[in-house]
């Protein structure tokens, strides 16, 4: 088992592959290889920068992290749809090829059997097989649907690199057995797609409950009275002054 390697994952799958006969499947596989190879070459990614795993109706590519991710994504947005249009323009209706694609990044290990192991790769596979991406392709008139992982969106898409319009991506949530996965679909959402969960607003703070004393006591009245008092004789102890508040004199004994 190798050490974990950071790689870009490109996964491409053919729609309704198993519905075709053997001759049609063989043709679709050739077209799948041609479309993917030409797209990667347009992005400047040759055979020395990638490893391929064949899955029959699908292709998985491990791409060297030195290959610019924004260049690859731009090719997936422009070159791959163009290649599909060229192929399908000359193909019979029974040989039309329609593709789902996922672009993601993460860590992967390669075992002694040349197998690829890694949870990041597993998540990319779940995005490719998710109902949202399948429904998006099924509902579109064109032949292509692309989804990128949260890491690709955060690192590339949201920064508005040339040729990568972030406004054309929609956030989706893809259920999986390990919990929901956040991803970003290029183009309109399909009907019934699961978007991000709504933000939960904090409930307003409750008003303070008045204490029993304050509830039963009347509010404060006017301030203390001010009176100027003059005493005629010195035996009273006060000749003149200003007194604030109540004045009470007891009977002198």
Protein backbone atom coordinates (compact mmCIF):
# COMPACT_ATOMS: atom_id res chain seq x y z
CA UNK A 1 0.00 0.00 0.00
CA UNK A 2 1.41 3.39 -0.97
CA UNK A 3 1.41 6.50 1.14
CA UNK A 4 -1.64 8.73 0.70
CA UNK A 5 -1.23 10.86 -2.41
CA UNK A 6 -3.07 14.08 -3.14
CA UNK A 7 -4.75 13.87 -6.54
CA UNK A 8 -7.47 15.41 -8.66
CA UNK A 9 -10.29 12.97 -9.44
CA UNK A 10 -12.17 13.07 -12.71
CA UNK A 11 -15.02 10.56 -12.98
CA UNK A 12 -17.09 10.23 -16.16
CA UNK A 13 -20.03 7.85 -16.62
CA UNK A 14 -22.21 6.95 -19.62
CA UNK A 15 -25.97 7.25 -19.26
CA UNK A 16 -28.11 4.16 -20.01
CA UNK A 17 -25.09 2.10 -21.04
CA UNK A 18 -26.64 -1.23 -20.04
CA UNK A 19 -29.71 -0.54 -22.20
CA UNK A 20 -27.60 -0.95 -25.36
CA UNK A 21 -26.58 -4.13 -27.15
CA UNK A 22 -22.97 -5.33 -27.31
CA UNK A 23 -22.15 -3.57 -30.58
CA UNK A 24 -23.53 -0.27 -29.32
CA UNK A 25 -21.70 -0.62 -26.00
CA UNK A 26 -18.40 -1.16 -27.80
CA UNK A 27 -19.01 1.98 -29.84
CA UNK A 28 -19.97 4.01 -26.75
CA UNK A 29 -16.77 2.96 -25.00
CA UNK A 30 -14.67 4.19 -27.91
CA UNK A 31 -16.52 7.49 -27.90
CA UNK A 32 -16.13 7.82 -24.13
CA UNK A 33 -12.37 7.34 -24.40
CA UNK A 34 -12.11 9.80 -27.29
CA UNK A 35 -14.12 12.53 -25.56
CA UNK A 36 -12.22 12.25 -22.28
CA UNK A 37 -8.79 12.06 -23.95
CA UNK A 38 -9.44 15.09 -26.13
CA UNK A 39 -10.78 17.08 -23.20
CA UNK A 40 -7.72 16.31 -21.06
CA UNK A 41 -5.35 17.10 -23.93
CA UNK A 42 -7.11 20.47 -24.36
CA UNK A 43 -6.36 21.10 -20.67
CA UNK A 44 -2.68 20.25 -21.21
CA UNK A 45 -2.89 16.97 -19.28
CA UNK A 46 -1.04 14.23 -21.14
CA UNK A 47 -0.52 10.56 -20.26
CA UNK A 48 2.38 11.35 -17.93
CA UNK A 49 0.13 13.37 -15.61
CA UNK A 50 -2.69 10.88 -15.15
CA UNK A 51 -3.65 7.31 -14.31
CA UNK A 52 -6.83 5.72 -15.64
CA UNK A 53 -9.14 3.05 -14.24
CA UNK A 54 -11.63 1.49 -16.64
CA UNK A 55 -15.08 0.75 -15.21
CA UNK A 56 -16.78 -0.46 -18.38
CA UNK A 57 -19.36 2.29 -18.80
CA UNK A 58 -17.23 4.77 -16.84
CA UNK A 59 -13.69 6.14 -16.58
CA UNK A 60 -11.87 7.27 -13.45
CA UNK A 61 -8.80 9.47 -13.78
CA UNK A 62 -6.22 10.26 -11.11
CA UNK A 63 -4.57 13.49 -12.20
CA UNK A 64 -1.30 14.90 -10.89
CA UNK A 65 -1.85 17.90 -8.60
CA UNK A 66 0.68 19.83 -10.68
CA UNK A 67 -1.91 20.10 -13.46
CA UNK A 68 -3.77 23.42 -12.97
CA UNK A 69 -7.22 22.68 -11.66
CA UNK A 70 -8.77 25.82 -13.10
CA UNK A 71 -7.53 24.88 -16.59
CA UNK A 72 -9.03 21.41 -16.25
CA UNK A 73 -12.36 22.73 -15.02
CA UNK A 74 -12.53 25.25 -17.85
CA UNK A 75 -11.98 22.41 -20.33
CA UNK A 76 -14.77 20.39 -18.68
CA UNK A 77 -17.10 23.37 -19.07
CA UNK A 78 -16.26 24.09 -22.71
CA UNK A 79 -14.27 21.35 -24.46
CA UNK A 80 -16.16 18.31 -23.21
CA UNK A 81 -19.60 19.62 -24.31
CA UNK A 82 -18.09 20.58 -27.68
CA UNK A 83 -16.63 17.10 -28.14
CA UNK A 84 -19.98 15.52 -27.27
CA UNK A 85 -21.79 17.67 -29.81
CA UNK A 86 -19.31 16.64 -32.50
CA UNK A 87 -19.65 12.94 -31.69
CA UNK A 88 -23.45 12.91 -31.44
CA UNK A 89 -23.95 15.02 -34.53
CA UNK A 90 -22.69 12.13 -36.67
CA UNK A 91 -24.12 9.26 -34.61
CA UNK A 92 -27.41 7.46 -35.04
CA UNK A 93 -30.01 8.01 -32.33
CA UNK A 94 -29.25 4.57 -30.89
CA UNK A 95 -25.59 5.50 -30.53
CA UNK A 96 -25.95 8.90 -28.88
CA UNK A 97 -23.69 9.24 -25.86
CA UNK A 98 -24.63 11.30 -22.81
CA UNK A 99 -22.23 11.78 -19.90
CA UNK A 100 -22.23 12.61 -16.21
CA UNK A 101 -18.96 13.94 -14.79
CA UNK A 102 -17.58 14.75 -11.33
CA UNK A 103 -14.46 16.76 -10.56
CA UNK A 104 -13.09 16.42 -7.02
CA UNK A 105 -9.82 16.43 -5.09
CA UNK A 106 -8.50 14.46 -2.16
CA UNK A 107 -6.16 11.75 -0.99
CA UNK A 108 -5.90 8.24 -2.36
CA UNK A 109 -3.67 5.20 -1.80
CA UNK A 110 -2.70 2.67 -4.46
CA UNK A 111 -2.40 -0.92 -3.29
CA UNK A 112 -0.26 -3.80 -4.59
CA UNK A 113 -3.03 -4.75 -7.05
CA UNK A 114 -3.12 -1.23 -8.52
CA UNK A 115 -6.41 -0.66 -6.71
CA UNK A 116 -7.32 2.81 -5.52
CA UNK A 117 -8.38 3.27 -1.91
CA UNK A 118 -9.55 6.43 -0.17
CA UNK A 119 -12.61 7.97 1.42
CA UNK A 120 -12.26 11.12 -0.71
CA UNK A 121 -12.46 8.98 -3.84
CA UNK A 122 -15.45 7.11 -2.39
CA UNK A 123 -17.28 10.39 -1.91
CA UNK A 124 -16.58 11.41 -5.51
CA UNK A 125 -18.07 8.10 -6.66
CA UNK A 126 -21.18 8.75 -4.59
CA UNK A 127 -21.60 12.15 -6.22
CA UNK A 128 -21.35 10.50 -9.63
CA UNK A 129 -23.97 7.89 -8.73
CA UNK A 130 -26.22 10.32 -6.85
CA UNK A 131 -29.80 10.88 -7.91
CA UNK A 132 -29.30 14.64 -8.31
CA UNK A 133 -26.67 14.37 -11.04
CA UNK A 134 -28.61 11.59 -12.78
CA UNK A 135 -31.81 13.65 -12.72
CA UNK A 136 -29.98 16.75 -13.97
CA UNK A 137 -28.76 14.91 -17.07
CA UNK A 138 -32.11 13.23 -17.62
CA UNK A 139 -33.96 16.56 -17.63
CA UNK A 140 -31.55 18.43 -19.90
CA UNK A 141 -31.74 18.77 -23.64
CA UNK A 142 -27.95 18.70 -23.97
CA UNK A 143 -25.83 15.60 -23.38
CA UNK A 144 -23.78 16.52 -20.33
CA UNK A 145 -24.06 17.23 -16.61
CA UNK A 146 -21.13 18.24 -14.41
CA UNK A 147 -20.81 18.33 -10.62
CA UNK A 148 -17.83 19.53 -8.56
CA UNK A 149 -16.99 18.76 -4.96
CA UNK A 150 -17.11 21.31 -2.18
CA UNK A 151 -13.30 21.52 -2.20
CA UNK A 152 -13.19 22.34 -5.92
CA UNK A 153 -15.91 24.95 -5.50
CA UNK A 154 -14.17 26.59 -2.54
CA UNK A 155 -10.72 26.51 -4.10
CA UNK A 156 -11.55 27.36 -7.71
CA UNK A 157 -15.14 28.11 -8.69
CA UNK A 158 -16.03 30.80 -6.18
CA UNK A 159 -12.97 32.88 -7.13
CA UNK A 160 -14.35 33.60 -10.63
CA UNK A 161 -11.32 32.46 -12.62
CA UNK A 162 -11.62 33.30 -16.34
CA UNK A 163 -14.03 30.98 -18.07
CA UNK A 164 -15.45 29.62 -14.79
CA UNK A 165 -18.65 31.53 -13.94
CA UNK A 166 -19.51 30.80 -10.33
CA UNK A 167 -23.08 32.04 -10.82
CA UNK A 168 -23.84 29.00 -12.99
CA UNK A 169 -23.22 26.56 -10.13
CA UNK A 170 -25.93 25.50 -7.68
CA UNK A 171 -25.30 24.03 -4.26
CA UNK A 172 -26.76 20.55 -3.73
CA UNK A 173 -26.86 18.00 -0.94
CA UNK A 174 -26.33 14.37 -1.91
CA UNK A 175 -27.39 11.70 0.60
CA UNK A 176 -24.93 8.91 1.34
CA UNK A 177 -24.61 6.12 3.87
CA UNK A 178 -21.95 8.16 5.67
CA UNK A 179 -24.06 11.30 5.82
CA UNK A 180 -25.02 14.07 3.39
CA UNK A 181 -22.40 15.37 0.96
CA UNK A 182 -22.29 18.97 -0.19
CA UNK A 183 -21.46 19.54 -3.85
CA UNK A 184 -22.10 22.05 -6.63
CA UNK A 185 -24.00 21.29 -9.83
CA UNK A 186 -23.28 23.24 -13.00
CA UNK A 187 -26.50 24.46 -14.54
CA UNK A 188 -30.10 24.40 -13.32
CA UNK A 189 -31.24 22.13 -10.53
CA UNK A 190 -33.45 19.21 -11.49
CA UNK A 191 -36.95 19.01 -10.10
CA UNK A 192 -37.02 17.79 -6.52
CA UNK A 193 -33.28 18.30 -6.01
CA UNK A 194 -32.10 18.55 -2.43
CA UNK A 195 -30.39 21.85 -1.79
CA UNK A 196 -28.58 23.00 1.33
CA UNK A 197 -30.59 22.85 4.55
CA UNK A 198 -32.23 26.16 5.44
CA UNK A 199 -30.43 28.30 7.92
CA UNK A 200 -31.81 27.98 11.44
CA UNK A 201 -32.45 31.38 12.97
CA UNK A 202 -32.07 31.83 16.69
CA UNK A 203 -35.35 32.40 18.54
CA UNK A 204 -35.79 35.90 19.92
CA UNK A 205 -34.65 36.36 23.49
CA UNK A 206 -37.58 36.24 25.92
CA UNK A 207 -38.59 39.47 27.57
CA UNK A 208 -37.48 39.66 31.18
CA UNK A 209 -40.25 38.68 33.60
CA UNK A 210 -40.87 41.43 36.14
CA UNK A 211 -40.27 40.44 39.75
CA UNK A 212 -43.31 40.31 42.05
CA UNK A 213 -42.12 43.35 43.92
CA UNK A 214 -41.71 45.44 40.83
CA UNK A 215 -45.01 44.20 39.41
CA UNK A 216 -47.02 45.22 42.49
CA UNK A 217 -45.17 48.37 43.44
CA UNK A 218 -46.18 51.59 41.78
CA UNK A 219 -43.64 53.31 39.64
CA UNK A 220 -41.45 55.99 41.11
CA UNK A 221 -43.29 59.14 42.02
CA UNK A 222 -42.06 62.68 41.76
CA UNK A 223 -38.72 63.50 43.36
CA UNK A 224 -38.49 64.52 46.98
CA UNK A 225 -39.97 67.87 47.90
CA UNK A 226 -37.70 70.78 48.54
CA UNK A 227 -38.65 73.33 51.19
CA UNK A 228 -36.91 76.30 52.67
CA UNK A 229 -37.47 76.50 56.41
CA UNK A 230 -36.78 79.45 58.67
CA UNK A 231 -36.84 79.31 62.45
CA UNK A 232 -37.15 82.35 64.43
CA UNK A 233 -35.05 81.47 67.43
CA UNK A 234 -31.63 79.98 67.94
CA UNK A 235 -32.90 77.47 70.49
CA UNK A 236 -34.39 75.41 67.70
CA UNK A 237 -30.94 74.36 66.62
CA UNK A 238 -31.50 75.51 63.06
CA UNK A 239 -31.79 79.08 61.96
CA UNK A 240 -32.16 78.64 58.26
CA UNK A 241 -31.54 76.08 55.63
CA UNK A 242 -32.86 74.02 52.78
CA UNK A 243 -34.31 70.63 53.65
CA UNK A 244 -34.96 67.87 51.12
CA UNK A 245 -37.63 65.29 51.78
CA UNK A 246 -40.21 64.86 54.48
CA UNK A 247 -39.91 66.98 57.60
CA UNK A 248 -41.15 65.54 60.89
CA UNK A 249 -40.85 67.24 64.24
CA UNK A 250 -41.83 65.45 67.34
CA UNK A 251 -43.30 67.16 70.37
CA UNK A 252 -40.59 68.72 72.52
CA UNK A 253 -40.45 67.44 76.01
